[in-house]
N, C-alpha and C. Protein backbone atom coordinates (compact mmCIF):
# COMPACT_ATOMS: atom_id res chain seq x y z
N MET A 1 0.59 -0.83 0.10
CA MET A 1 -0.19 0.13 -0.04
C MET A 1 1.11 0.88 -0.07
N ALA A 2 0.61 2.21 -1.26
CA ALA A 2 1.53 2.88 -0.72
C ALA A 2 0.74 4.41 0.33
N GLN A 3 1.82 5.16 0.79
CA GLN A 3 2.17 6.28 1.76
C GLN A 3 0.50 6.81 1.42
N SER A 4 0.46 8.09 0.28
CA SER A 4 -0.40 8.35 0.56
C SER A 4 -1.86 7.79 0.51
N HIS A 5 -1.96 5.99 -0.27
CA HIS A 5 -3.32 5.61 0.04
C HIS A 5 -3.20 5.38 1.71
N PHE A 6 -2.77 4.93 1.97
CA PHE A 6 -3.00 4.89 3.96
C PHE A 6 -2.57 6.41 4.66
N ASP A 7 -2.43 7.57 3.73
CA ASP A 7 -2.77 8.08 4.83
C ASP A 7 -4.34 8.72 4.02
N ALA A 8 -4.38 8.98 3.82
CA ALA A 8 -5.89 9.03 3.27
C ALA A 8 -7.07 8.14 3.69
N LEU A 9 -6.75 6.72 4.54
CA LEU A 9 -7.94 6.36 5.09
C LEU A 9 -8.34 7.09 6.63
N GLY A 10 -7.34 7.61 7.52
CA GLY A 10 -7.92 8.68 7.64
C GLY A 10 -7.69 7.70 9.11
N VAL A 11 -6.49 7.00 8.76
CA VAL A 11 -5.41 6.07 10.74
C VAL A 11 -4.10 7.03 10.94
N TRP A 12 -4.49 7.02 12.03
CA TRP A 12 -3.33 7.93 13.04
C TRP A 12 -2.62 7.10 14.13
N ARG A 13 -1.87 6.80 14.90
CA ARG A 13 -0.76 6.41 16.14
C ARG A 13 -1.29 8.25 16.65
N THR A 14 -1.76 7.09 17.86
CA THR A 14 -2.50 8.23 18.81
C THR A 14 -1.15 8.84 20.27
N GLU A 15 -0.97 9.81 20.27
CA GLU A 15 0.20 9.84 22.48
C GLU A 15 0.28 8.54 22.90
N PRO A 16 0.73 7.91 23.28
CA PRO A 16 -0.11 7.96 25.22
C PRO A 16 -0.08 8.61 26.18
N ARG A 17 -0.64 8.33 26.90
CA ARG A 17 -1.10 9.16 28.10
C ARG A 17 -0.39 9.32 29.05
N TRP A 18 0.55 8.07 29.11
CA TRP A 18 1.27 7.66 30.42
C TRP A 18 2.40 6.72 29.96
N PRO A 19 3.68 7.53 30.18
CA PRO A 19 5.15 6.90 29.98
C PRO A 19 4.96 5.53 29.88
N SER A 20 4.44 4.99 30.91
CA SER A 20 4.22 3.47 30.91
C SER A 20 3.27 2.58 30.00
N THR A 21 2.57 3.46 29.45
CA THR A 21 1.50 2.64 27.99
C THR A 21 1.78 3.02 26.80
N LEU A 22 1.45 2.02 26.18
CA LEU A 22 1.52 2.64 24.43
C LEU A 22 0.68 2.93 23.67
N SER A 23 1.07 3.64 22.34
CA SER A 23 0.04 4.01 21.14
C SER A 23 -1.12 3.50 20.74
N SER A 24 -1.91 3.46 20.78
CA SER A 24 -2.96 2.90 19.74
C SER A 24 -3.30 3.37 18.90
N MET A 25 -3.60 2.60 17.87
CA MET A 25 -4.59 3.23 15.99
C MET A 25 -5.52 3.39 16.23
N VAL A 26 -5.72 4.00 16.05
CA VAL A 26 -7.66 5.01 15.67
C VAL A 26 -7.71 5.19 13.91
N ALA A 27 -9.47 5.11 14.15
CA ALA A 27 -9.32 5.02 12.60
C ALA A 27 -10.15 6.21 12.83
N ASP A 28 -11.03 6.77 12.51
CA ASP A 28 -12.23 7.42 11.50
C ASP A 28 -12.85 6.92 10.39
N LEU A 29 -13.22 5.97 10.92
CA LEU A 29 -14.89 5.09 10.01
C LEU A 29 -14.82 5.83 8.81
N SER A 30 -15.61 6.86 8.98
CA SER A 30 -16.20 7.12 7.69
C SER A 30 -15.40 7.50 6.13
N THR A 31 -14.49 8.40 7.10
CA THR A 31 -13.33 8.70 6.24
C THR A 31 -12.35 7.30 5.39
N THR A 32 -12.06 6.11 6.40
CA THR A 32 -11.86 5.02 5.75
C THR A 32 -12.80 4.03 5.07
N GLY A 33 -14.09 4.62 5.36
CA GLY A 33 -14.85 3.99 4.70
C GLY A 33 -15.44 3.93 2.91
N PHE A 34 -14.84 6.06 3.27
CA PHE A 34 -15.11 6.37 2.18
C PHE A 34 -13.85 6.33 0.92
N THR A 35 -13.03 6.05 1.27
CA THR A 35 -11.77 5.76 0.91
C THR A 35 -11.32 4.29 0.39
N LEU A 36 -11.85 3.53 1.27
CA LEU A 36 -11.77 2.22 0.74
C LEU A 36 -12.88 2.18 -0.49
N MET A 37 -14.03 2.51 -0.74
CA MET A 37 -15.50 2.54 -1.22
C MET A 37 -14.83 3.32 -2.65
N LYS A 38 -14.01 4.30 -3.16
CA LYS A 38 -13.74 5.36 -3.39
C LYS A 38 -12.70 4.10 -4.43
N SER A 39 -11.18 3.45 -3.61
CA SER A 39 -10.86 2.58 -4.36
C SER A 39 -11.35 1.43 -5.00
N ALA A 40 -12.18 0.86 -4.55
CA ALA A 40 -12.90 0.00 -5.04
C ALA A 40 -13.62 0.03 -6.54
N LEU A 41 -14.06 1.51 -6.34
CA LEU A 41 -14.65 1.56 -7.57
C LEU A 41 -13.77 2.18 -9.07
N GLU A 42 -12.19 2.78 -8.12
CA GLU A 42 -11.72 3.30 -9.92
C GLU A 42 -10.61 1.32 -9.85
N TYR A 43 -10.44 0.73 -9.22
CA TYR A 43 -10.80 -0.36 -9.63
C TYR A 43 -11.76 -1.07 -10.59
N VAL A 44 -12.73 -1.31 -10.51
CA VAL A 44 -13.81 -1.65 -10.68
C VAL A 44 -14.19 -1.18 -12.54
N GLU A 45 -13.88 0.16 -12.51
CA GLU A 45 -13.62 1.54 -13.41
C GLU A 45 -12.53 0.62 -14.53
N ALA A 46 -11.13 0.73 -13.96
CA ALA A 46 -10.01 0.64 -14.82
C ALA A 46 -10.06 -1.33 -15.20
N PHE A 47 -10.89 -2.51 -14.58
CA PHE A 47 -11.48 -3.16 -15.35
C PHE A 47 -12.20 -3.40 -15.98
N THR A 48 -13.27 -2.80 -15.97
CA THR A 48 -14.35 -2.41 -16.78
C THR A 48 -13.91 -2.04 -18.21
N LYS A 49 -12.73 -1.31 -18.46
CA LYS A 49 -12.04 0.25 -19.23
C LYS A 49 -11.68 -1.33 -20.18
N LEU A 50 -10.76 -1.79 -19.65
CA LEU A 50 -9.99 -3.29 -20.53
C LEU A 50 -10.76 -4.47 -20.88
N ILE A 51 -12.13 -4.28 -20.41
CA ILE A 51 -12.72 -5.67 -21.15
C ILE A 51 -13.66 -4.42 -22.24
N ILE A 52 -14.05 -3.48 -22.29
CA ILE A 52 -14.67 -2.73 -23.06
C ILE A 52 -13.31 -2.78 -24.53
N ARG A 53 -12.41 -2.16 -23.74
CA ARG A 53 -11.15 -1.68 -24.87
C ARG A 53 -10.62 -2.68 -25.64
N ASN A 54 -10.63 -4.56 -25.21
CA ASN A 54 -9.45 -4.62 -25.92
C ASN A 54 -10.08 -6.58 -26.29
N ARG A 55 -10.49 -6.78 -27.34
CA ARG A 55 -11.09 -7.85 -27.70
C ARG A 55 -9.77 -9.53 -27.75
N PRO A 56 -10.32 -10.04 -27.35
CA PRO A 56 -9.33 -11.32 -27.55
C PRO A 56 -8.87 -11.91 -28.83
N SER A 57 -7.71 -12.19 -29.30
CA SER A 57 -7.58 -12.32 -30.43
C SER A 57 -7.40 -13.79 -30.38
N ASN A 58 -7.50 -14.79 -29.25
CA ASN A 58 -7.85 -16.28 -30.14
C ASN A 58 -9.15 -16.70 -29.01
N ALA A 59 -10.21 -15.74 -29.39
CA ALA A 59 -11.38 -16.51 -28.07
C ALA A 59 -12.44 -16.85 -29.79
N VAL A 60 -12.73 -18.11 -29.42
CA VAL A 60 -13.62 -19.46 -29.77
C VAL A 60 -14.81 -18.49 -30.93
N SER A 61 -15.45 -17.56 -29.17
CA SER A 61 -16.81 -17.39 -29.46
C SER A 61 -16.55 -15.74 -28.74
N PRO A 62 -15.92 -15.45 -29.50
CA PRO A 62 -16.15 -13.88 -27.83
C PRO A 62 -17.81 -12.72 -28.16
N SER A 63 -17.66 -12.74 -27.23
CA SER A 63 -19.28 -11.84 -27.02
C SER A 63 -18.50 -10.57 -27.68
N GLY A 64 -19.65 -9.45 -28.19
CA GLY A 64 -19.86 -8.24 -28.70
C GLY A 64 -19.44 -7.42 -27.63
N PHE A 65 -19.70 -7.42 -26.68
CA PHE A 65 -19.65 -6.41 -26.11
C PHE A 65 -17.91 -6.33 -25.10
N LEU A 66 -16.85 -7.84 -25.61
CA LEU A 66 -15.80 -7.51 -25.81
C LEU A 66 -14.90 -7.02 -26.67
N GLY A 67 -14.28 -5.94 -26.59
CA GLY A 67 -13.61 -5.08 -27.17
C GLY A 67 -14.80 -4.38 -28.34
N CYS A 68 -15.22 -3.59 -27.85
CA CYS A 68 -16.85 -2.68 -28.35
C CYS A 68 -16.39 -1.26 -28.40
N VAL A 69 -15.45 -0.95 -27.33
CA VAL A 69 -15.43 -0.19 -28.07
C VAL A 69 -13.75 0.48 -28.27
N GLN A 70 -12.94 0.33 -29.41
CA GLN A 70 -11.69 0.87 -30.09
C GLN A 70 -10.96 1.37 -29.94
N ALA A 71 -9.68 1.69 -29.04
CA ALA A 71 -9.58 3.07 -29.15
C ALA A 71 -7.98 2.86 -29.80
N LEU A 72 -7.81 4.35 -29.80
CA LEU A 72 -6.25 4.16 -30.97
C LEU A 72 -5.05 3.99 -29.51
N PRO A 73 -4.15 3.80 -29.76
CA PRO A 73 -2.73 4.33 -28.63
C PRO A 73 -2.86 5.63 -28.60
N GLY A 74 -2.78 6.03 -27.36
CA GLY A 74 -2.35 7.64 -26.97
C GLY A 74 -3.84 8.33 -26.98
N GLU A 75 -5.07 7.42 -27.17
CA GLU A 75 -5.76 8.08 -26.97
C GLU A 75 -6.87 8.91 -25.93
N VAL A 76 -7.25 10.01 -25.79
CA VAL A 76 -7.11 10.11 -24.16
C VAL A 76 -8.88 10.28 -24.27
N GLU A 77 -9.38 10.65 -22.97
CA GLU A 77 -10.35 10.11 -22.53
C GLU A 77 -11.05 11.39 -23.01
N PRO A 78 -12.45 11.76 -23.46
CA PRO A 78 -13.10 12.99 -23.82
C PRO A 78 -13.67 13.69 -22.08
N PRO A 79 -13.15 15.11 -21.55
CA PRO A 79 -13.19 15.81 -20.74
C PRO A 79 -15.04 15.14 -20.26
N PRO A 80 -15.38 14.97 -18.78
CA PRO A 80 -16.67 15.47 -18.31
C PRO A 80 -17.63 16.29 -18.70
N PRO A 81 -19.05 15.87 -18.73
CA PRO A 81 -19.94 17.21 -18.76
C PRO A 81 -19.66 17.84 -17.51
N GLU A 82 -20.42 19.27 -18.10
CA GLU A 82 -20.09 20.48 -17.67
C GLU A 82 -20.84 19.71 -15.91
N LYS A 83 -22.34 19.46 -15.86
CA LYS A 83 -22.55 19.37 -14.22
C LYS A 83 -21.76 18.15 -13.70
N ALA A 84 -20.97 16.90 -14.63
CA ALA A 84 -20.37 16.38 -14.07
C ALA A 84 -19.20 16.73 -12.82
N VAL A 85 -18.39 18.08 -13.56
CA VAL A 85 -17.28 18.43 -12.63
C VAL A 85 -17.75 19.17 -11.80
N LEU A 86 -19.51 20.29 -12.06
CA LEU A 86 -19.90 20.50 -11.26
C LEU A 86 -20.12 20.02 -9.71
N TYR A 87 -20.28 18.39 -10.45
CA TYR A 87 -20.91 17.55 -9.17
C TYR A 87 -19.77 16.81 -8.24
N GLN A 88 -18.45 17.17 -9.08
CA GLN A 88 -16.72 16.31 -8.50
C GLN A 88 -16.96 17.51 -7.32
N ALA A 89 -17.04 18.80 -8.22
CA ALA A 89 -16.49 19.76 -7.06
C ALA A 89 -17.02 20.56 -6.01
N LEU A 90 -18.52 19.99 -5.92
CA LEU A 90 -19.87 20.23 -4.92
C LEU A 90 -19.31 19.30 -3.65
N PHE A 91 -18.72 18.01 -3.98
CA PHE A 91 -18.82 16.78 -3.01
C PHE A 91 -17.38 16.07 -3.00
N GLY A 92 -16.36 17.13 -3.47
CA GLY A 92 -14.93 16.73 -3.01
C GLY A 92 -14.40 15.46 -4.48
N PHE A 93 -14.79 15.12 -4.99
CA PHE A 93 -13.58 13.57 -5.93
C PHE A 93 -13.34 14.71 -6.72
N HIS A 94 -12.12 15.02 -6.27
CA HIS A 94 -11.49 15.81 -7.32
C HIS A 94 -10.16 14.16 -8.20
N THR A 95 -10.13 14.94 -9.57
CA THR A 95 -8.99 13.41 -9.82
C THR A 95 -7.50 13.73 -9.68
N GLU A 96 -7.08 12.68 -9.64
CA GLU A 96 -5.29 13.40 -9.22
C GLU A 96 -4.64 13.53 -11.06
N SER A 97 -3.85 14.46 -10.98
CA SER A 97 -3.24 14.66 -12.75
C SER A 97 -2.49 14.98 -11.66
């Protein structure tokens, strides 16, 4: 796990109250849940793009869905609609570029 991903989980180590006690790990459950759900959806999106954009070369009876969107090498995705950009800004969904 990358350090940036771990930092985004909302987990931190507390300072001990007394010298004889150990520190403990604390987590903000809403931040952790949101980060894990966002990561899971990013994986689903990446896997979906892999399925849609690549046609198997040696499949016996390939589905019409596999490779239905053929992208040229280096082709970028179109920008999202204005309303999607607004919602991303309102709810804090910012893409990392």
